[in-house]
C-alpha atoms as a PDB file:
ATOM      1  CA  MET A   1       0.127   0.045   0.053  1.00  0.00           C
ATOM      2  CA  LYS A   2       1.385   3.349  -0.905  1.00  0.00           C
ATOM      3  CA  GLN A   3       1.914   5.766   2.119  1.00  0.00           C
ATOM      4  CA  CYS A   4       0.288   9.366   1.550  1.00  0.00           C
ATOM      5  CA  VAL A   5       2.831  12.287   2.157  1.00  0.00           C
ATOM      6  CA  LEU A   6       1.174  15.125   4.463  1.00  0.00           C
ATOM      7  CA  ASN A   7       4.198  17.162   4.605  1.00  0.00           C
ATOM      8  CA  ALA A   8       4.419  20.473   2.609  1.00  0.00           C
ATOM      9  CA  VAL A   9       8.078  20.880   2.486  1.00  0.00           C
ATOM     10  CA  ARG A  10       8.611  17.182   1.006  1.00  0.00           C
ATOM     11  CA  ILE A  11       5.780  17.827  -1.265  1.00  0.00           C
ATOM     12  CA  ARG A  12       7.497  20.944  -2.816  1.00  0.00           C
ATOM     13  CA  ARG A  13      10.856  18.947  -2.517  1.00  0.00           C
ATOM     14  CA  GLU A  14       8.980  16.529  -4.822  1.00  0.00           C
ATOM     15  CA  LEU A  15       7.452  19.319  -7.349  1.00  0.00           C
ATOM     16  CA  VAL A  16      10.546  21.517  -7.916  1.00  0.00           C
ATOM     17  CA  PRO A  17      12.520  19.187 -10.578  1.00  0.00           C
ATOM     18  CA  LYS A  18       9.019  18.878 -12.033  1.00  0.00           C
ATOM     19  CA  GLY A  19       9.246  23.006 -12.540  1.00  0.00           C
ATOM     20  CA  TYR A  20       7.594  24.313  -9.373  1.00  0.00           C
ATOM     21  CA  ALA A  21       9.123  27.393  -8.768  1.00  0.00           C
ATOM     22  CA  GLY A  22       6.814  28.546  -5.810  1.00  0.00           C
ATOM     23  CA  GLY A  23       7.575  28.621  -2.383  1.00  0.00           C
ATOM     24  CA  LEU A  24       5.999  26.812   0.877  1.00  0.00           C
ATOM     25  CA  THR A  25       2.532  28.727   1.298  1.00  0.00           C
ATOM     26  CA  ILE A  26       0.584  27.090  -1.879  1.00  0.00           C
ATOM     27  CA  PRO A  27       1.556  23.449  -0.842  1.00  0.00           C
ATOM     28  CA  ARG A  28       0.715  24.202   3.082  1.00  0.00           C
ATOM     29  CA  GLU A  29      -2.472  25.297   1.998  1.00  0.00           C
ATOM     30  CA  PHE A  30      -3.237  22.421   0.157  1.00  0.00           C
ATOM     31  CA  MET A  31      -2.130  20.251   2.603  1.00  0.00           C
ATOM     32  CA  THR A  32      -4.554  21.835   5.054  1.00  0.00           C
ATOM     33  CA  SER A  33      -7.835  20.423   3.430  1.00  0.00           C
ATOM     34  CA  HIS A  34      -6.188  16.959   3.127  1.00  0.00           C
ATOM     35  CA  ARG A  35      -4.792  16.245   6.382  1.00  0.00           C
ATOM     36  CA  PRO A  36      -7.014  13.917   9.212  1.00  0.00           C
ATOM     37  CA  VAL A  37      -8.924  16.182  11.763  1.00  0.00           C
ATOM     38  CA  TYR A  38      -7.471  14.851  14.929  1.00  0.00           C
ATOM     39  CA  THR A  39      -9.547  14.754  18.163  1.00  0.00           C
ATOM     40  CA  THR A  40      -8.866  14.336  21.829  1.00  0.00           C
ATOM     41  CA  LYS A  41     -10.350  12.535  24.245  1.00  0.00           C
ATOM     42  CA  VAL A  42     -12.163  14.687  26.719  1.00  0.00           C
ATOM     43  CA  THR A  43     -11.468  13.743  30.334  1.00  0.00           C
ATOM     44  CA  LEU A  44     -14.209  13.671  32.797  1.00  0.00           C
ATOM     45  CA  ARG A  45     -13.473  15.120  36.092  1.00  0.00           C
ATOM     46  CA  PHE A  46     -15.419  14.480  39.287  1.00  0.00           C
ATOM     47  CA  GLU A  47     -14.645  15.113  42.941  1.00  0.00           C
ATOM     48  CA  THR A  48     -15.045  12.502  46.248  1.00  0.00           C
ATOM     49  CA  GLU A  49     -15.357  13.096  49.402  1.00  0.00           C
ATOM     50  CA  PRO A  50     -12.003  13.032  51.649  1.00  0.00           C
ATOM     51  CA  GLY A  51     -11.091   9.119  52.030  1.00  0.00           C
ATOM     52  CA  GLN A  52     -13.347   8.056  49.269  1.00  0.00           C
ATOM     53  CA  GLN A  53     -10.908   7.725  46.426  1.00  0.00           C
ATOM     54  CA  ALA A  54      -6.891   6.996  46.327  1.00  0.00           C
ATOM     55  CA  GLN A  55      -4.503   8.034  43.586  1.00  0.00           C
ATOM     56  CA  VAL A  56      -1.253   6.501  42.886  1.00  0.00           C
ATOM     57  CA  ASP A  57       1.533   7.665  40.728  1.00  0.00           C
ATOM     58  CA  VAL A  58       3.171   4.897  39.086  1.00  0.00           C
ATOM     59  CA  GLY A  59       5.833   7.163  37.497  1.00  0.00           C
ATOM     60  CA  HIS A  60       9.648   6.248  38.000  1.00  0.00           C
ATOM     61  CA  PHE A  61      12.861   8.702  38.462  1.00  0.00           C
ATOM     62  CA  THR A  62      16.172   8.319  39.764  1.00  0.00           C
ATOM     63  CA  TYR A  63      18.174  10.782  41.620  1.00  0.00           C
ATOM     64  CA  ARG A  64      21.344  11.286  43.956  1.00  0.00           C
ATOM     65  CA  ASP A  65      21.770  11.595  47.517  1.00  0.00           C
ATOM     66  CA  SER A  66      23.649  13.662  49.209  1.00  0.00           C
ATOM     67  CA  GLU A  67      26.511  11.033  49.252  1.00  0.00           C
ATOM     68  CA  GLY A  68      26.493  10.636  45.720  1.00  0.00           C
ATOM     69  CA  ARG A  69      24.397   7.337  45.652  1.00  0.00           C
ATOM     70  CA  LEU A  70      21.813   6.718  42.752  1.00  0.00           C
ATOM     71  CA  TRP A  71      18.329   5.985  43.718  1.00  0.00           C
ATOM     72  CA  LYS A  72      15.577   4.737  41.510  1.00  0.00           C
ATOM     73  CA  ILE A  73      12.261   5.401  43.069  1.00  0.00           C
END
């Protein structure tokens, strides 16, 4: 399956050898109507009474203590 090119810089680079002498404005405007529309998920916020909900951060990070030892939390 052939992939679509949605990058105006690349499209211009491919058009120049075929005689295109313009800049990036026209390819950018053209690609605007051909790019997919991305939507983001909406996060529903809700509040609970104290003690009714717990949250946990599962991220990890490293740090050095005052003696130079490396710790991972």
